[in-house]
Amino acid sequence: MSLIFEQIANHHTGLLPAKVARKYKILIEDPFSFFRGTNQLFYEDLNQHTFPISPICWICGDLHLENFGSYKGDNRLVYFDINDFDESVLSPVGYDLARFITSILVAFDELKITDQEAIKACEIFLKAYSKILTDGSPRYIDRRTATGIVKRFLSSVEERTDKKLLAKRTIKQKSNLELSDKKGKQLLIDKDLKSLLIAEFERWMKSNNQPPTTIKYWMRDFV
């Protein structure tokens, strides 16, 4: 067990201590939270076994049950899809399948759902995944094509206005809006780091034909 602790600590070397401490607190909440937050352990363990050969493509890298959600497209329609790509990598597609199936088994065990039902859920996922590949083209999931719980979710999200979203995530200080930290998800940064971030974002935005003043407005609350 001490080896696992060492692997986790090494993985977070050089990161902000406050952020690491917050993550460690989440890891010990339940088995699924630990599974979510230790993606590196999953692949280190997977690497110790012979894994079936599969095509190479861009994968999510951390595909699990809670990395799906909604986003609004340029056409203003709300879609349901994968919403976490910070660990995307060019890799065998089978890795995403293994990660997702494992997430089903871990989550169902925590929810006290029977092993039989968990295996059935894995089979349903693999059959649906195979069918989409056989059809030869991706299928967009929006309120018009969704069914069941996903349709109900997209219908509720579609009714959410920008004003309501801002009210939920911000607080008003005098004449300005500032990000709210009620859920403990924001971290303050010092002024030197803020200056470096603004300079880097401005460089990137100029290269992508974005107005450089936008980033100064967006960063003004992070003091």
C-alpha atoms as a PDB file:
ATOM      1  CA  MET A   1       0.000   0.000   0.000  1.00  0.00           C
ATOM      2  CA  SER A   2       2.879   2.371   0.758  1.00  0.00           C
ATOM      3  CA  LEU A   3       3.992   2.003  -2.872  1.00  0.00           C
ATOM      4  CA  ILE A   4       0.608   3.343  -4.039  1.00  0.00           C
ATOM      5  CA  PHE A   5       0.920   6.349  -1.720  1.00  0.00           C
ATOM      6  CA  GLU A   6       4.390   6.979  -3.116  1.00  0.00           C
ATOM      7  CA  GLN A   7       3.144   6.754  -6.710  1.00  0.00           C
ATOM      8  CA  ILE A   8       0.341   9.226  -5.982  1.00  0.00           C
ATOM      9  CA  ALA A   9       2.688  11.672  -4.257  1.00  0.00           C
ATOM     10  CA  ASN A  10       5.238  11.482  -7.089  1.00  0.00           C
ATOM     11  CA  HIS A  11       2.519  12.138  -9.660  1.00  0.00           C
ATOM     12  CA  HIS A  12       1.603  15.412  -7.937  1.00  0.00           C
ATOM     13  CA  THR A  13       5.144  16.696  -7.425  1.00  0.00           C
ATOM     14  CA  GLY A  14       5.481  20.375  -8.364  1.00  0.00           C
ATOM     15  CA  LEU A  15       1.755  21.149  -8.266  1.00  0.00           C
ATOM     16  CA  LEU A  16       0.176  23.765  -6.020  1.00  0.00           C
ATOM     17  CA  PRO A  17       0.097  22.335  -2.456  1.00  0.00           C
ATOM     18  CA  ALA A  18      -3.380  23.738  -1.735  1.00  0.00           C
ATOM     19  CA  LYS A  19      -4.751  22.143  -4.889  1.00  0.00           C
ATOM     20  CA  VAL A  20      -3.104  18.795  -4.116  1.00  0.00           C
ATOM     21  CA  ALA A  21      -4.478  18.822  -0.558  1.00  0.00           C
ATOM     22  CA  ARG A  22      -7.961  19.494  -1.925  1.00  0.00           C
ATOM     23  CA  LYS A  23      -7.631  16.606  -4.351  1.00  0.00           C
ATOM     24  CA  TYR A  24      -6.424  14.215  -1.627  1.00  0.00           C
ATOM     25  CA  LYS A  25      -9.508  15.104   0.424  1.00  0.00           C
ATOM     26  CA  ILE A  26     -11.731  14.120  -2.515  1.00  0.00           C
ATOM     27  CA  LEU A  27      -9.813  10.883  -3.149  1.00  0.00           C
ATOM     28  CA  ILE A  28     -10.715   9.452   0.257  1.00  0.00           C
ATOM     29  CA  GLU A  29     -14.452  10.140  -0.052  1.00  0.00           C
ATOM     30  CA  ASP A  30     -15.307   6.820  -1.734  1.00  0.00           C
ATOM     31  CA  PRO A  31     -13.866   4.168  -4.133  1.00  0.00           C
ATOM     32  CA  PHE A  32     -15.224   5.856  -7.261  1.00  0.00           C
ATOM     33  CA  SER A  33     -13.693   9.223  -6.308  1.00  0.00           C
ATOM     34  CA  PHE A  34     -10.365   7.444  -5.828  1.00  0.00           C
ATOM     35  CA  PHE A  35     -10.757   5.767  -9.231  1.00  0.00           C
ATOM     36  CA  ARG A  36     -11.548   9.123 -10.885  1.00  0.00           C
ATOM     37  CA  GLY A  37      -8.583  10.921  -9.355  1.00  0.00           C
ATOM     38  CA  THR A  38      -5.886   8.276  -9.906  1.00  0.00           C
ATOM     39  CA  ASN A  39      -5.969   7.784 -13.649  1.00  0.00           C
ATOM     40  CA  GLN A  40      -2.195   7.299 -13.661  1.00  0.00           C
ATOM     41  CA  LEU A  41      -2.480   4.248 -11.361  1.00  0.00           C
ATOM     42  CA  PHE A  42      -5.020   2.678 -13.710  1.00  0.00           C
ATOM     43  CA  TYR A  43      -2.687   2.879 -16.695  1.00  0.00           C
ATOM     44  CA  GLU A  44       0.398   1.887 -14.712  1.00  0.00           C
ATOM     45  CA  ASP A  45      -1.475  -1.250 -13.669  1.00  0.00           C
ATOM     46  CA  LEU A  46      -2.858  -1.829 -17.178  1.00  0.00           C
ATOM     47  CA  ASN A  47       0.682  -1.602 -18.535  1.00  0.00           C
ATOM     48  CA  GLN A  48       1.679  -4.643 -16.468  1.00  0.00           C
ATOM     49  CA  HIS A  49      -0.691  -6.882 -18.429  1.00  0.00           C
ATOM     50  CA  THR A  50      -0.967  -8.069 -22.010  1.00  0.00           C
ATOM     51  CA  PHE A  51      -3.656  -5.924 -23.595  1.00  0.00           C
ATOM     52  CA  PRO A  52      -5.483  -6.765 -26.870  1.00  0.00           C
ATOM     53  CA  ILE A  53      -4.232  -4.809 -29.896  1.00  0.00           C
ATOM     54  CA  SER A  54      -6.582  -2.060 -31.101  1.00  0.00           C
ATOM     55  CA  PRO A  55      -6.389   0.832 -33.617  1.00  0.00           C
ATOM     56  CA  ILE A  56      -4.506   4.002 -32.663  1.00  0.00           C
ATOM     57  CA  CYS A  57      -6.578   7.192 -32.454  1.00  0.00           C
ATOM     58  CA  TRP A  58      -7.129  10.249 -30.269  1.00  0.00           C
ATOM     59  CA  ILE A  59      -8.818   9.022 -27.115  1.00  0.00           C
ATOM     60  CA  CYS A  60     -10.265  10.807 -24.075  1.00  0.00           C
ATOM     61  CA  GLY A  61      -7.630   9.174 -21.872  1.00  0.00           C
ATOM     62  CA  ASP A  62      -9.874   9.293 -18.806  1.00  0.00           C
ATOM     63  CA  LEU A  63     -13.190   7.961 -20.005  1.00  0.00           C
ATOM     64  CA  HIS A  64     -15.540   7.228 -17.115  1.00  0.00           C
ATOM     65  CA  LEU A  65     -19.196   7.670 -16.213  1.00  0.00           C
ATOM     66  CA  GLU A  66     -18.855  11.202 -14.842  1.00  0.00           C
ATOM     67  CA  ASN A  67     -16.881  12.624 -17.757  1.00  0.00           C
ATOM     68  CA  PHE A  68     -19.993  13.117 -19.858  1.00  0.00           C
ATOM     69  CA  GLY A  69     -22.087  16.251 -19.906  1.00  0.00           C
ATOM     70  CA  SER A  70     -23.548  19.030 -22.023  1.00  0.00           C
ATOM     71  CA  TYR A  71     -22.190  21.837 -24.174  1.00  0.00           C
ATOM     72  CA  LYS A  72     -23.805  24.449 -26.381  1.00  0.00           C
ATOM     73  CA  GLY A  73     -22.762  24.485 -30.040  1.00  0.00           C
ATOM     74  CA  ASP A  74     -22.402  27.452 -32.394  1.00  0.00           C
ATOM     75  CA  ASN A  75     -25.931  26.683 -33.577  1.00  0.00           C
ATOM     76  CA  ARG A  76     -27.120  27.283 -29.948  1.00  0.00           C
ATOM     77  CA  LEU A  77     -28.316  23.689 -29.617  1.00  0.00           C
ATOM     78  CA  VAL A  78     -27.315  21.768 -26.485  1.00  0.00           C
ATOM     79  CA  TYR A  79     -25.461  18.489 -27.057  1.00  0.00           C
ATOM     80  CA  PHE A  80     -24.541  15.549 -24.831  1.00  0.00           C
ATOM     81  CA  ASP A  81     -21.005  14.200 -25.187  1.00  0.00           C
ATOM     82  CA  ILE A  82     -17.637  13.664 -23.493  1.00  0.00           C
ATOM     83  CA  ASN A  83     -16.695  16.861 -21.656  1.00  0.00           C
ATOM     84  CA  ASP A  84     -13.188  16.164 -20.318  1.00  0.00           C
ATOM     85  CA  PHE A  85     -10.160  16.143 -22.603  1.00  0.00           C
ATOM     86  CA  ASP A  86      -7.224  17.257 -20.429  1.00  0.00           C
ATOM     87  CA  GLU A  87      -5.731  13.754 -20.607  1.00  0.00           C
ATOM     88  CA  SER A  88      -6.384  13.128 -24.300  1.00  0.00           C
ATOM     89  CA  VAL A  89      -3.633  11.200 -26.030  1.00  0.00           C
ATOM     90  CA  LEU A  90      -2.902   9.382 -29.288  1.00  0.00           C
ATOM     91  CA  SER A  91      -3.242   5.816 -28.087  1.00  0.00           C
ATOM     92  CA  PRO A  92      -4.978   2.441 -28.661  1.00  0.00           C
ATOM     93  CA  VAL A  93      -8.741   2.961 -28.633  1.00  0.00           C
ATOM     94  CA  GLY A  94      -9.092  -0.076 -26.377  1.00  0.00           C
ATOM     95  CA  TYR A  95      -7.674   1.936 -23.472  1.00  0.00           C
ATOM     96  CA  ASP A  96     -10.775   4.149 -23.394  1.00  0.00           C
ATOM     97  CA  LEU A  97     -12.993   1.069 -23.455  1.00  0.00           C
ATOM     98  CA  ALA A  98     -11.110  -0.524 -20.563  1.00  0.00           C
ATOM     99  CA  ARG A  99     -11.264   2.670 -18.500  1.00  0.00           C
ATOM    100  CA  PHE A 100     -14.989   3.153 -19.110  1.00  0.00           C
ATOM    101  CA  ILE A 101     -15.969  -0.450 -18.396  1.00  0.00           C
ATOM    102  CA  THR A 102     -13.937  -0.379 -15.181  1.00  0.00           C
ATOM    103  CA  SER A 103     -15.766   2.814 -14.166  1.00  0.00           C
ATOM    104  CA  ILE A 104     -19.095   0.998 -14.600  1.00  0.00           C
ATOM    105  CA  LEU A 105     -17.964  -1.865 -12.383  1.00  0.00           C
ATOM    106  CA  VAL A 106     -16.554   0.440  -9.672  1.00  0.00           C
ATOM    107  CA  ALA A 107     -19.602   2.752  -9.666  1.00  0.00           C
ATOM    108  CA  PHE A 108     -22.155  -0.064  -9.682  1.00  0.00           C
ATOM    109  CA  ASP A 109     -20.367  -1.783  -6.792  1.00  0.00           C
ATOM    110  CA  GLU A 110     -20.462   1.446  -4.777  1.00  0.00           C
ATOM    111  CA  LEU A 111     -24.167   1.865  -5.562  1.00  0.00           C
ATOM    112  CA  LYS A 112     -24.812  -1.721  -4.388  1.00  0.00           C
ATOM    113  CA  ILE A 113     -26.008  -2.771  -7.841  1.00  0.00           C
ATOM    114  CA  THR A 114     -25.621  -6.490  -8.504  1.00  0.00           C
ATOM    115  CA  ASP A 115     -22.667  -7.891 -10.434  1.00  0.00           C
ATOM    116  CA  GLN A 116     -25.102  -9.317 -12.972  1.00  0.00           C
ATOM    117  CA  GLU A 117     -26.569  -5.895 -13.707  1.00  0.00           C
ATOM    118  CA  ALA A 118     -23.076  -4.370 -13.894  1.00  0.00           C
ATOM    119  CA  ILE A 119     -21.972  -6.939 -16.485  1.00  0.00           C
ATOM    120  CA  LYS A 120     -25.187  -6.329 -18.434  1.00  0.00           C
ATOM    121  CA  ALA A 121     -24.465  -2.568 -18.458  1.00  0.00           C
ATOM    122  CA  CYS A 122     -20.951  -3.250 -19.803  1.00  0.00           C
ATOM    123  CA  GLU A 123     -22.409  -5.415 -22.574  1.00  0.00           C
ATOM    124  CA  ILE A 124     -24.957  -2.727 -23.515  1.00  0.00           C
ATOM    125  CA  PHE A 125     -22.173  -0.151 -23.733  1.00  0.00           C
ATOM    126  CA  LEU A 126     -19.956  -2.356 -25.924  1.00  0.00           C
ATOM    127  CA  LYS A 127     -22.827  -3.235 -28.257  1.00  0.00           C
ATOM    128  CA  ALA A 128     -23.807   0.435 -28.660  1.00  0.00           C
ATOM    129  CA  TYR A 129     -20.149   1.409 -29.202  1.00  0.00           C
ATOM    130  CA  SER A 130     -19.719  -1.319 -31.845  1.00  0.00           C
ATOM    131  CA  LYS A 131     -22.919  -0.303 -33.630  1.00  0.00           C
ATOM    132  CA  ILE A 132     -21.792   3.332 -33.963  1.00  0.00           C
ATOM    133  CA  LEU A 133     -18.480   2.154 -35.454  1.00  0.00           C
ATOM    134  CA  THR A 134     -20.308  -0.181 -37.839  1.00  0.00           C
ATOM    135  CA  ASP A 135     -22.580   2.659 -38.992  1.00  0.00           C
ATOM    136  CA  GLY A 136     -19.438   4.491 -40.109  1.00  0.00           C
ATOM    137  CA  SER A 137     -20.245   7.987 -38.827  1.00  0.00           C
ATOM    138  CA  PRO A 138     -20.666   9.675 -35.436  1.00  0.00           C
ATOM    139  CA  ARG A 139     -24.170  10.441 -34.210  1.00  0.00           C
ATOM    140  CA  TYR A 140     -24.791  13.738 -32.459  1.00  0.00           C
ATOM    141  CA  ILE A 141     -26.920  13.514 -29.322  1.00  0.00           C
ATOM    142  CA  ASP A 142     -29.139  16.543 -28.758  1.00  0.00           C
ATOM    143  CA  ARG A 143     -32.635  16.988 -27.350  1.00  0.00           C
ATOM    144  CA  ARG A 144     -34.172  15.924 -30.662  1.00  0.00           C
ATOM    145  CA  THR A 145     -32.369  12.573 -30.819  1.00  0.00           C
ATOM    146  CA  ALA A 146     -31.847  11.766 -27.121  1.00  0.00           C
ATOM    147  CA  THR A 147     -34.096   9.476 -25.108  1.00  0.00           C
ATOM    148  CA  GLY A 148     -34.728   8.736 -21.440  1.00  0.00           C
ATOM    149  CA  ILE A 149     -32.653  10.397 -18.749  1.00  0.00           C
ATOM    150  CA  VAL A 150     -30.322  12.085 -21.270  1.00  0.00           C
ATOM    151  CA  LYS A 151     -33.280  13.753 -22.995  1.00  0.00           C
ATOM    152  CA  ARG A 152     -34.600  15.014 -19.642  1.00  0.00           C
ATOM    153  CA  PHE A 153     -31.130  16.304 -18.752  1.00  0.00           C
ATOM    154  CA  LEU A 154     -30.694  18.164 -22.056  1.00  0.00           C
ATOM    155  CA  SER A 155     -34.188  19.664 -21.797  1.00  0.00           C
ATOM    156  CA  SER A 156     -33.385  21.102 -18.363  1.00  0.00           C
ATOM    157  CA  VAL A 157     -29.981  22.421 -19.482  1.00  0.00           C
ATOM    158  CA  GLU A 158     -31.495  24.027 -22.570  1.00  0.00           C
ATOM    159  CA  GLU A 159     -33.768  26.107 -20.332  1.00  0.00           C
ATOM    160  CA  ARG A 160     -30.805  27.420 -18.325  1.00  0.00           C
ATOM    161  CA  THR A 161     -29.984  30.988 -19.313  1.00  0.00           C
ATOM    162  CA  ASP A 162     -26.576  32.661 -19.195  1.00  0.00           C
ATOM    163  CA  LYS A 163     -27.967  34.987 -16.528  1.00  0.00           C
ATOM    164  CA  LYS A 164     -28.914  32.060 -14.266  1.00  0.00           C
ATOM    165  CA  LEU A 165     -25.543  30.403 -14.811  1.00  0.00           C
ATOM    166  CA  LEU A 166     -23.669  33.592 -13.889  1.00  0.00           C
ATOM    167  CA  ALA A 167     -25.837  34.080 -10.808  1.00  0.00           C
ATOM    168  CA  LYS A 168     -24.960  30.569  -9.659  1.00  0.00           C
ATOM    169  CA  ARG A 169     -21.206  30.929 -10.161  1.00  0.00           C
ATOM    170  CA  THR A 170     -20.554  34.579  -9.226  1.00  0.00           C
ATOM    171  CA  ILE A 171     -21.124  37.141  -6.482  1.00  0.00           C
ATOM    172  CA  LYS A 172     -21.555  40.889  -6.917  1.00  0.00           C
ATOM    173  CA  GLN A 173     -18.901  43.118  -5.362  1.00  0.00           C
ATOM    174  CA  LYS A 174     -19.818  46.778  -5.793  1.00  0.00           C
ATOM    175  CA  SER A 175     -20.270  47.156  -9.563  1.00  0.00           C
ATOM    176  CA  ASN A 176     -18.271  44.043 -10.530  1.00  0.00           C
ATOM    177  CA  LEU A 177     -18.999  40.336 -10.704  1.00  0.00           C
ATOM    178  CA  GLU A 178     -16.473  37.996  -9.101  1.00  0.00           C
ATOM    179  CA  LEU A 179     -16.247  34.221  -9.194  1.00  0.00           C
ATOM    180  CA  SER A 180     -17.889  32.575  -6.197  1.00  0.00           C
ATOM    181  CA  ASP A 181     -15.879  30.007  -4.259  1.00  0.00           C
ATOM    182  CA  LYS A 182     -18.803  28.389  -2.449  1.00  0.00           C
ATOM    183  CA  LYS A 183     -17.844  24.945  -3.750  1.00  0.00           C
ATOM    184  CA  GLY A 184     -14.141  25.443  -3.116  1.00  0.00           C
ATOM    185  CA  LYS A 185     -13.118  25.030  -6.745  1.00  0.00           C
ATOM    186  CA  GLN A 186     -11.250  28.303  -7.260  1.00  0.00           C
ATOM    187  CA  LEU A 187      -7.744  29.124  -6.085  1.00  0.00           C
ATOM    188  CA  LEU A 188      -6.283  32.604  -5.729  1.00  0.00           C
ATOM    189  CA  ILE A 189      -3.077  33.307  -7.629  1.00  0.00           C
ATOM    190  CA  ASP A 190      -0.398  35.883  -6.845  1.00  0.00           C
ATOM    191  CA  LYS A 191       0.077  39.001  -8.966  1.00  0.00           C
ATOM    192  CA  ASP A 192       3.337  37.849 -10.597  1.00  0.00           C
ATOM    193  CA  LEU A 193       1.761  34.622 -11.806  1.00  0.00           C
ATOM    194  CA  LYS A 194      -1.283  36.551 -12.992  1.00  0.00           C
ATOM    195  CA  SER A 195       0.947  38.823 -15.111  1.00  0.00           C
ATOM    196  CA  LEU A 196       2.705  35.822 -16.658  1.00  0.00           C
ATOM    197  CA  LEU A 197      -0.619  34.157 -17.464  1.00  0.00           C
ATOM    198  CA  ILE A 198      -2.039  37.292 -19.064  1.00  0.00           C
ATOM    199  CA  ALA A 199       1.080  37.717 -21.215  1.00  0.00           C
ATOM    200  CA  GLU A 200       0.928  34.104 -22.369  1.00  0.00           C
ATOM    201  CA  PHE A 201      -2.795  34.231 -23.104  1.00  0.00           C
ATOM    202  CA  GLU A 202      -2.395  37.489 -25.023  1.00  0.00           C
ATOM    203  CA  ARG A 203       0.327  35.904 -27.172  1.00  0.00           C
ATOM    204  CA  TRP A 204      -1.895  32.892 -27.851  1.00  0.00           C
ATOM    205  CA  MET A 205      -5.010  34.978 -28.574  1.00  0.00           C
ATOM    206  CA  LYS A 206      -3.165  37.244 -31.024  1.00  0.00           C
ATOM    207  CA  SER A 207      -2.061  34.146 -32.908  1.00  0.00           C
ATOM    208  CA  ASN A 208      -5.708  33.048 -33.074  1.00  0.00           C
ATOM    209  CA  ASN A 209      -7.153  36.403 -34.143  1.00  0.00           C
ATOM    210  CA  GLN A 210      -8.773  37.093 -30.778  1.00  0.00           C
ATOM    211  CA  PRO A 211      -8.870  40.599 -29.231  1.00  0.00           C
ATOM    212  CA  PRO A 212      -6.100  40.713 -26.567  1.00  0.00           C
ATOM    213  CA  THR A 213      -8.190  42.900 -24.256  1.00  0.00           C
ATOM    214  CA  THR A 214     -10.585  39.993 -23.681  1.00  0.00           C
ATOM    215  CA  ILE A 215      -8.145  38.098 -21.477  1.00  0.00           C
ATOM    216  CA  LYS A 216      -7.502  41.150 -19.272  1.00  0.00           C
ATOM    217  CA  TYR A 217     -11.224  41.401 -18.581  1.00  0.00           C
ATOM    218  CA  TRP A 218     -11.503  37.663 -17.908  1.00  0.00           C
ATOM    219  CA  MET A 219      -8.494  37.604 -15.556  1.00  0.00           C
ATOM    220  CA  ARG A 220      -9.295  40.721 -13.545  1.00  0.00           C
ATOM    221  CA  ASP A 221     -10.941  38.767 -10.673  1.00  0.00           C
ATOM    222  CA  PHE A 222      -7.975  36.444 -10.136  1.00  0.00           C
ATOM    223  CA  VAL A 223      -5.806  38.658  -7.954  1.00  0.00           C
END
